[in-house]
Amino acid sequence: MSKELLTLLNKEELILSHQDLPQLPEITVLKNNLIQRFLQLKSSRQNQLLAYGLPKNESQIAIWIDQQNHLDLHQIWAELTNTLKSCQEVNQQIGKMIQKLSASNRAAIQVLEGQDPTQSIYGPGSDAGNISKFNVLG
């Protein structure tokens, strides 16, 4: 599932970079469904950990795995943690892209409202002091 999440995040990043925004709702639904599966798996996993006498605290699992003499277990854990780290990095990049798109949209709206988007100084009472000298009628 972690690789599936990384694939979805990479698709979302591609969609945002190409500004193919009509595809975002589908990716969002798929991502939300996958997150729900992760949460269900987490609950099940915690119960199984207790049954096998493993640490319930997930931060202790890495220590437990390090103590094991199973090369396959070490490889699987390393692969999982690397994939999840990649997910975090892509998700941070997506967040930055969304912030830039939001800023562009806000600037466009300000222009349509007759404001100068390069000015962000507010006047008394938090009234925008950056209204330009022309009105855009739309």
N, C-alpha and C. Protein backbone atom coordinates (compact mmCIF):
# COMPACT_ATOMS: atom_id res chain seq x y z
N MET A 1 0.81 -1.20 0.00
CA MET A 1 0.00 0.00 0.00
C MET A 1 0.85 1.26 0.00
N SER A 2 2.02 1.21 0.61
CA SER A 2 2.87 2.41 0.64
C SER A 2 3.32 2.79 -0.76
N LYS A 3 3.61 1.79 -1.60
CA LYS A 3 4.01 2.09 -2.98
C LYS A 3 2.83 2.62 -3.77
N GLU A 4 1.64 2.14 -3.45
CA GLU A 4 0.43 2.65 -4.09
C GLU A 4 0.22 4.12 -3.73
N LEU A 5 0.47 4.46 -2.47
CA LEU A 5 0.36 5.86 -2.04
C LEU A 5 1.39 6.73 -2.75
N LEU A 6 2.60 6.24 -2.86
CA LEU A 6 3.64 7.00 -3.56
C LEU A 6 3.26 7.21 -5.02
N THR A 7 2.70 6.20 -5.64
CA THR A 7 2.26 6.33 -7.04
C THR A 7 1.18 7.41 -7.17
N LEU A 8 0.21 7.40 -6.25
CA LEU A 8 -0.85 8.42 -6.28
C LEU A 8 -0.29 9.82 -6.04
N LEU A 9 0.63 9.93 -5.11
CA LEU A 9 1.22 11.25 -4.84
C LEU A 9 2.01 11.74 -6.06
N ASN A 10 2.73 10.85 -6.72
CA ASN A 10 3.46 11.24 -7.92
C ASN A 10 2.50 11.68 -9.03
N LYS A 11 1.36 10.99 -9.15
CA LYS A 11 0.35 11.40 -10.13
C LYS A 11 -0.21 12.77 -9.79
N GLU A 12 -0.47 12.98 -8.50
CA GLU A 12 -1.00 14.28 -8.08
C GLU A 12 0.01 15.39 -8.38
N GLU A 13 1.27 15.13 -8.12
CA GLU A 13 2.31 16.12 -8.41
C GLU A 13 2.36 16.43 -9.91
N LEU A 14 2.24 15.41 -10.73
CA LEU A 14 2.25 15.59 -12.18
C LEU A 14 1.03 16.41 -12.64
N ILE A 15 -0.12 16.08 -12.07
CA ILE A 15 -1.35 16.82 -12.41
C ILE A 15 -1.19 18.30 -12.05
N LEU A 16 -0.65 18.56 -10.86
CA LEU A 16 -0.47 19.95 -10.44
C LEU A 16 0.58 20.66 -11.30
N SER A 17 1.64 19.96 -11.65
CA SER A 17 2.69 20.61 -12.45
C SER A 17 2.19 20.96 -13.85
N HIS A 18 1.24 20.17 -14.36
CA HIS A 18 0.65 20.45 -15.68
C HIS A 18 -0.63 21.26 -15.55
N GLN A 19 -1.00 21.58 -14.32
CA GLN A 19 -2.22 22.32 -14.01
C GLN A 19 -3.44 21.69 -14.69
N ASP A 20 -3.48 20.37 -14.66
CA ASP A 20 -4.61 19.62 -15.19
C ASP A 20 -5.59 19.37 -14.04
N LEU A 21 -6.10 20.45 -13.49
CA LEU A 21 -6.86 20.44 -12.25
C LEU A 21 -8.15 19.62 -12.28
N PRO A 22 -8.81 19.43 -13.43
CA PRO A 22 -10.01 18.58 -13.42
C PRO A 22 -9.73 17.13 -12.98
N GLN A 23 -8.49 16.69 -13.03
CA GLN A 23 -8.17 15.33 -12.60
C GLN A 23 -7.96 15.22 -11.09
N LEU A 24 -7.83 16.34 -10.40
CA LEU A 24 -7.56 16.32 -8.96
C LEU A 24 -8.63 15.61 -8.13
N PRO A 25 -9.93 15.83 -8.40
CA PRO A 25 -10.93 15.15 -7.55
C PRO A 25 -10.80 13.62 -7.56
N GLU A 26 -10.50 13.05 -8.71
CA GLU A 26 -10.36 11.59 -8.79
C GLU A 26 -9.17 11.11 -7.95
N ILE A 27 -8.05 11.81 -8.07
CA ILE A 27 -6.86 11.45 -7.29
C ILE A 27 -7.15 11.62 -5.80
N THR A 28 -7.87 12.67 -5.45
CA THR A 28 -8.19 12.93 -4.04
C THR A 28 -9.03 11.80 -3.47
N VAL A 29 -10.02 11.34 -4.21
CA VAL A 29 -10.86 10.23 -3.74
C VAL A 29 -10.02 8.97 -3.56
N LEU A 30 -9.17 8.66 -4.53
CA LEU A 30 -8.32 7.47 -4.43
C LEU A 30 -7.38 7.58 -3.23
N LYS A 31 -6.82 8.75 -3.04
CA LYS A 31 -5.90 8.98 -1.92
C LYS A 31 -6.64 8.84 -0.58
N ASN A 32 -7.83 9.42 -0.48
CA ASN A 32 -8.62 9.31 0.75
C ASN A 32 -8.98 7.87 1.05
N ASN A 33 -9.36 7.11 0.03
CA ASN A 33 -9.69 5.70 0.22
C ASN A 33 -8.48 4.93 0.71
N LEU A 34 -7.33 5.22 0.16
CA LEU A 34 -6.10 4.54 0.57
C LEU A 34 -5.73 4.90 2.01
N ILE A 35 -5.92 6.14 2.38
CA ILE A 35 -5.64 6.57 3.76
C ILE A 35 -6.57 5.83 4.73
N GLN A 36 -7.83 5.68 4.34
CA GLN A 36 -8.77 4.93 5.18
C GLN A 36 -8.30 3.48 5.36
N ARG A 37 -7.80 2.88 4.29
CA ARG A 37 -7.27 1.52 4.39
C ARG A 37 -6.06 1.48 5.32
N PHE A 38 -5.19 2.50 5.25
CA PHE A 38 -4.04 2.58 6.14
C PHE A 38 -4.50 2.63 7.60
N LEU A 39 -5.52 3.43 7.88
CA LEU A 39 -6.00 3.57 9.25
C LEU A 39 -6.60 2.26 9.76
N GLN A 40 -7.33 1.55 8.90
CA GLN A 40 -7.87 0.25 9.29
C GLN A 40 -6.75 -0.75 9.54
N LEU A 41 -5.75 -0.72 8.70
CA LEU A 41 -4.60 -1.62 8.85
C LEU A 41 -3.84 -1.31 10.13
N LYS A 42 -3.74 -0.05 10.48
CA LYS A 42 -3.03 0.34 11.70
C LYS A 42 -3.67 -0.29 12.92
N SER A 43 -4.98 -0.23 13.00
CA SER A 43 -5.70 -0.82 14.13
C SER A 43 -5.47 -2.33 14.19
N SER A 44 -5.58 -2.98 13.08
CA SER A 44 -5.36 -4.42 13.00
C SER A 44 -3.92 -4.77 13.36
N ARG A 45 -2.99 -3.97 12.86
CA ARG A 45 -1.57 -4.22 13.11
C ARG A 45 -1.25 -4.10 14.59
N GLN A 46 -1.81 -3.11 15.25
CA GLN A 46 -1.54 -2.93 16.67
C GLN A 46 -2.02 -4.14 17.48
N ASN A 47 -3.18 -4.68 17.12
CA ASN A 47 -3.68 -5.87 17.81
C ASN A 47 -2.77 -7.06 17.57
N GLN A 48 -2.28 -7.22 16.35
CA GLN A 48 -1.38 -8.33 16.03
C GLN A 48 -0.04 -8.18 16.72
N LEU A 49 0.46 -6.97 16.83
CA LEU A 49 1.74 -6.75 17.51
C LEU A 49 1.66 -7.22 18.96
N LEU A 50 0.57 -6.88 19.60
CA LEU A 50 0.40 -7.31 20.99
C LEU A 50 0.33 -8.82 21.10
N ALA A 51 -0.36 -9.45 20.16
CA ALA A 51 -0.50 -10.91 20.18
C ALA A 51 0.84 -11.61 20.04
N TYR A 52 1.78 -11.00 19.31
CA TYR A 52 3.10 -11.60 19.11
C TYR A 52 4.13 -11.10 20.12
N GLY A 53 3.70 -10.28 21.05
CA GLY A 53 4.60 -9.79 22.06
C GLY A 53 5.55 -8.70 21.56
N LEU A 54 5.18 -8.06 20.48
CA LEU A 54 6.00 -6.98 19.93
C LEU A 54 5.61 -5.66 20.57
N PRO A 55 6.49 -4.67 20.49
CA PRO A 55 6.17 -3.37 21.10
C PRO A 55 4.93 -2.75 20.45
N LYS A 56 4.02 -2.27 21.29
CA LYS A 56 2.82 -1.60 20.77
C LYS A 56 3.18 -0.24 20.21
N ASN A 57 4.14 0.41 20.85
CA ASN A 57 4.59 1.72 20.40
C ASN A 57 5.33 1.55 19.07
N GLU A 58 4.78 2.15 18.03
CA GLU A 58 5.34 1.94 16.69
C GLU A 58 6.76 2.46 16.54
N SER A 59 7.12 3.45 17.34
CA SER A 59 8.49 3.96 17.25
C SER A 59 9.50 2.93 17.75
N GLN A 60 9.04 1.97 18.53
CA GLN A 60 9.91 0.91 19.06
C GLN A 60 10.07 -0.25 18.07
N ILE A 61 9.24 -0.31 17.06
CA ILE A 61 9.30 -1.42 16.10
C ILE A 61 10.64 -1.44 15.37
N ALA A 62 11.13 -0.28 15.00
CA ALA A 62 12.42 -0.22 14.28
C ALA A 62 13.53 -0.80 15.15
N ILE A 63 13.51 -0.51 16.43
CA ILE A 63 14.52 -1.06 17.34
C ILE A 63 14.38 -2.58 17.40
N TRP A 64 13.15 -3.06 17.51
CA TRP A 64 12.90 -4.50 17.55
C TRP A 64 13.39 -5.17 16.27
N ILE A 65 13.10 -4.56 15.13
CA ILE A 65 13.54 -5.13 13.85
C ILE A 65 15.06 -5.18 13.77
N ASP A 66 15.73 -4.14 14.24
CA ASP A 66 17.20 -4.12 14.24
C ASP A 66 17.78 -5.28 15.05
N GLN A 67 17.06 -5.72 16.04
CA GLN A 67 17.55 -6.79 16.91
C GLN A 67 17.32 -8.18 16.31
N GLN A 68 16.57 -8.25 15.22
CA GLN A 68 16.26 -9.55 14.62
C GLN A 68 17.35 -9.97 13.64
N ASN A 69 17.49 -11.27 13.47
CA ASN A 69 18.51 -11.82 12.56
C ASN A 69 17.91 -12.27 11.24
N HIS A 70 16.88 -11.59 10.77
CA HIS A 70 16.21 -11.94 9.52
C HIS A 70 16.51 -10.88 8.47
N LEU A 71 17.37 -11.22 7.52
CA LEU A 71 17.75 -10.26 6.48
C LEU A 71 16.54 -9.77 5.70
N ASP A 72 15.60 -10.68 5.40
CA ASP A 72 14.40 -10.28 4.65
C ASP A 72 13.61 -9.21 5.40
N LEU A 73 13.50 -9.38 6.71
CA LEU A 73 12.77 -8.41 7.53
C LEU A 73 13.45 -7.04 7.47
N HIS A 74 14.77 -7.03 7.53
CA HIS A 74 15.52 -5.77 7.45
C HIS A 74 15.32 -5.10 6.09
N GLN A 75 15.32 -5.90 5.03
CA GLN A 75 15.13 -5.34 3.68
C GLN A 75 13.73 -4.78 3.51
N ILE A 76 12.75 -5.53 3.98
CA ILE A 76 11.36 -5.07 3.86
C ILE A 76 11.16 -3.78 4.64
N TRP A 77 11.71 -3.73 5.85
CA TRP A 77 11.58 -2.53 6.69
C TRP A 77 12.26 -1.33 6.03
N ALA A 78 13.46 -1.56 5.50
CA ALA A 78 14.18 -0.47 4.84
C ALA A 78 13.41 0.03 3.62
N GLU A 79 12.86 -0.89 2.86
CA GLU A 79 12.08 -0.52 1.67
C GLU A 79 10.84 0.27 2.08
N LEU A 80 10.17 -0.18 3.13
CA LEU A 80 8.97 0.51 3.60
C LEU A 80 9.30 1.92 4.09
N THR A 81 10.33 2.04 4.91
CA THR A 81 10.68 3.37 5.44
C THR A 81 11.15 4.30 4.32
N ASN A 82 11.87 3.77 3.34
CA ASN A 82 12.30 4.61 2.21
C ASN A 82 11.11 5.07 1.39
N THR A 83 10.16 4.17 1.16
CA THR A 83 8.97 4.53 0.40
C THR A 83 8.17 5.61 1.13
N LEU A 84 8.01 5.41 2.44
CA LEU A 84 7.25 6.40 3.22
C LEU A 84 7.97 7.74 3.28
N LYS A 85 9.28 7.73 3.33
CA LYS A 85 10.05 8.98 3.30
C LYS A 85 9.84 9.68 1.95
N SER A 86 9.84 8.90 0.87
CA SER A 86 9.57 9.48 -0.46
C SER A 86 8.17 10.07 -0.51
N CYS A 87 7.19 9.38 0.12
CA CYS A 87 5.82 9.90 0.17
C CYS A 87 5.80 11.26 0.87
N GLN A 88 6.52 11.37 1.98
CA GLN A 88 6.56 12.64 2.71
C GLN A 88 7.18 13.74 1.85
N GLU A 89 8.25 13.42 1.14
CA GLU A 89 8.92 14.42 0.31
C GLU A 89 8.03 14.89 -0.82
N VAL A 90 7.36 13.94 -1.49
CA VAL A 90 6.47 14.31 -2.59
C VAL A 90 5.29 15.11 -2.05
N ASN A 91 4.77 14.71 -0.90
CA ASN A 91 3.65 15.42 -0.30
C ASN A 91 4.04 16.86 0.06
N GLN A 92 5.26 17.06 0.55
CA GLN A 92 5.73 18.42 0.84
C GLN A 92 5.83 19.23 -0.45
N GLN A 93 6.31 18.62 -1.51
CA GLN A 93 6.40 19.31 -2.80
C GLN A 93 5.00 19.69 -3.30
N ILE A 94 4.06 18.77 -3.13
CA ILE A 94 2.67 19.04 -3.53
C ILE A 94 2.13 20.23 -2.73
N GLY A 95 2.43 20.27 -1.45
CA GLY A 95 1.99 21.39 -0.61
C GLY A 95 2.53 22.71 -1.11
N LYS A 96 3.79 22.72 -1.50
CA LYS A 96 4.40 23.94 -2.04
C LYS A 96 3.74 24.34 -3.35
N MET A 97 3.45 23.35 -4.19
CA MET A 97 2.80 23.65 -5.47
C MET A 97 1.41 24.22 -5.25
N ILE A 98 0.68 23.66 -4.30
CA ILE A 98 -0.67 24.15 -4.00
C ILE A 98 -0.60 25.58 -3.46
N GLN A 99 0.39 25.87 -2.62
CA GLN A 99 0.55 27.24 -2.11
C GLN A 99 0.80 28.22 -3.25
N LYS A 100 1.64 27.83 -4.21
CA LYS A 100 1.93 28.71 -5.35
C LYS A 100 0.68 28.92 -6.21
N LEU A 101 -0.06 27.83 -6.46
CA LEU A 101 -1.29 27.96 -7.24
C LEU A 101 -2.30 28.84 -6.52
N SER A 102 -2.40 28.68 -5.21
CA SER A 102 -3.33 29.51 -4.43
C SER A 102 -2.93 30.98 -4.49
N ALA A 103 -1.64 31.24 -4.38
CA ALA A 103 -1.16 32.63 -4.46
C ALA A 103 -1.46 33.22 -5.83
N SER A 104 -1.26 32.44 -6.87
CA SER A 104 -1.57 32.91 -8.23
C SER A 104 -3.06 33.20 -8.38
N ASN A 105 -3.88 32.32 -7.83
CA ASN A 105 -5.33 32.53 -7.91
C ASN A 105 -5.75 33.77 -7.14
N ARG A 106 -5.16 33.96 -5.94
CA ARG A 106 -5.49 35.16 -5.16
C ARG A 106 -5.09 36.42 -5.92
N ALA A 107 -3.92 36.39 -6.55
CA ALA A 107 -3.46 37.55 -7.32
C ALA A 107 -4.39 37.82 -8.49
N ALA A 108 -4.83 36.77 -9.17
CA ALA A 108 -5.75 36.94 -10.30
C ALA A 108 -7.08 37.53 -9.83
N ILE A 109 -7.57 37.06 -8.70
CA ILE A 109 -8.83 37.59 -8.16
C ILE A 109 -8.67 39.06 -7.79
N GLN A 110 -7.52 39.41 -7.21
CA GLN A 110 -7.28 40.81 -6.86
C GLN A 110 -7.29 41.69 -8.10
N VAL A 111 -6.69 41.22 -9.17
CA VAL A 111 -6.69 41.99 -10.42
C VAL A 111 -8.11 42.17 -10.92
N LEU A 112 -8.91 41.09 -10.89
CA LEU A 112 -10.29 41.18 -11.35
C LEU A 112 -11.13 42.12 -10.48
N GLU A 113 -10.75 42.25 -9.20
CA GLU A 113 -11.46 43.15 -8.30
C GLU A 113 -10.92 44.58 -8.36
N GLY A 114 -9.93 44.80 -9.23
CA GLY A 114 -9.38 46.14 -9.37
C GLY A 114 -8.31 46.47 -8.36
N GLN A 115 -7.75 45.47 -7.73
CA GLN A 115 -6.69 45.69 -6.75
C GLN A 115 -5.34 45.40 -7.38
N ASP A 116 -4.31 45.95 -6.79
CA ASP A 116 -2.95 45.69 -7.25
C ASP A 116 -2.39 44.51 -6.45
N PRO A 117 -2.23 43.34 -7.07
CA PRO A 117 -1.78 42.15 -6.32
C PRO A 117 -0.34 42.25 -5.83
N THR A 118 0.42 43.24 -6.31
CA THR A 118 1.80 43.37 -5.83
C THR A 118 1.88 44.10 -4.51
N GLN A 119 0.78 44.70 -4.09
CA GLN A 119 0.73 45.43 -2.83
C GLN A 119 -0.07 44.62 -1.82
N SER A 120 0.46 44.49 -0.63
CA SER A 120 -0.27 43.74 0.39
C SER A 120 -0.34 44.51 1.70
N ILE A 121 -0.32 45.82 1.60
CA ILE A 121 -0.39 46.65 2.80
C ILE A 121 -1.85 46.95 3.08
N TYR A 122 -2.24 46.74 4.32
CA TYR A 122 -3.61 47.01 4.72
C TYR A 122 -3.67 48.33 5.46
N GLY A 123 -4.77 49.02 5.26
CA GLY A 123 -4.97 50.29 5.92
C GLY A 123 -5.66 50.11 7.26
N PRO A 124 -6.12 51.21 7.82
CA PRO A 124 -6.81 51.15 9.12
C PRO A 124 -8.03 50.23 9.04
N GLY A 125 -8.26 49.51 10.11
CA GLY A 125 -9.42 48.61 10.15
C GLY A 125 -9.27 47.42 9.22
N SER A 126 -8.05 47.13 8.81
CA SER A 126 -7.74 46.01 7.92
C SER A 126 -8.36 46.15 6.54
N ASP A 127 -8.71 47.39 6.17
CA ASP A 127 -9.19 47.61 4.81
C ASP A 127 -8.01 47.55 3.86
N ALA A 128 -8.21 46.95 2.74
CA ALA A 128 -7.13 46.84 1.77
C ALA A 128 -6.75 48.23 1.30
N GLY A 129 -5.49 48.55 1.39
CA GLY A 129 -5.01 49.84 0.94
C GLY A 129 -4.37 49.74 -0.42
N ASN A 130 -4.65 48.66 -1.13
CA ASN A 130 -3.97 48.43 -2.40
C ASN A 130 -4.92 48.44 -3.58
N ILE A 131 -6.03 49.15 -3.45
CA ILE A 131 -6.98 49.19 -4.56
C ILE A 131 -6.43 50.13 -5.63
N SER A 132 -6.39 49.60 -6.83
CA SER A 132 -5.83 50.40 -7.91
C SER A 132 -6.80 51.49 -8.34
N LYS A 133 -6.38 52.33 -9.26
CA LYS A 133 -7.16 53.48 -9.67
C LYS A 133 -8.20 53.14 -10.76
N PHE A 134 -8.32 51.84 -11.09
CA PHE A 134 -9.30 51.49 -12.12
C PHE A 134 -10.19 50.37 -11.59
N ASN A 135 -11.36 50.29 -12.16
CA ASN A 135 -12.29 49.21 -11.82
C ASN A 135 -12.42 48.30 -13.02
N VAL A 136 -12.41 47.01 -12.76
CA VAL A 136 -12.60 46.04 -13.81
C VAL A 136 -14.05 45.61 -13.77
N LEU A 137 -14.72 45.81 -14.86
CA LEU A 137 -16.11 45.39 -14.94
C LEU A 137 -16.16 44.07 -15.70
N GLY A 138 -16.81 43.10 -15.14
CA GLY A 138 -16.81 41.79 -15.79
C GLY A 138 -18.16 41.32 -15.95
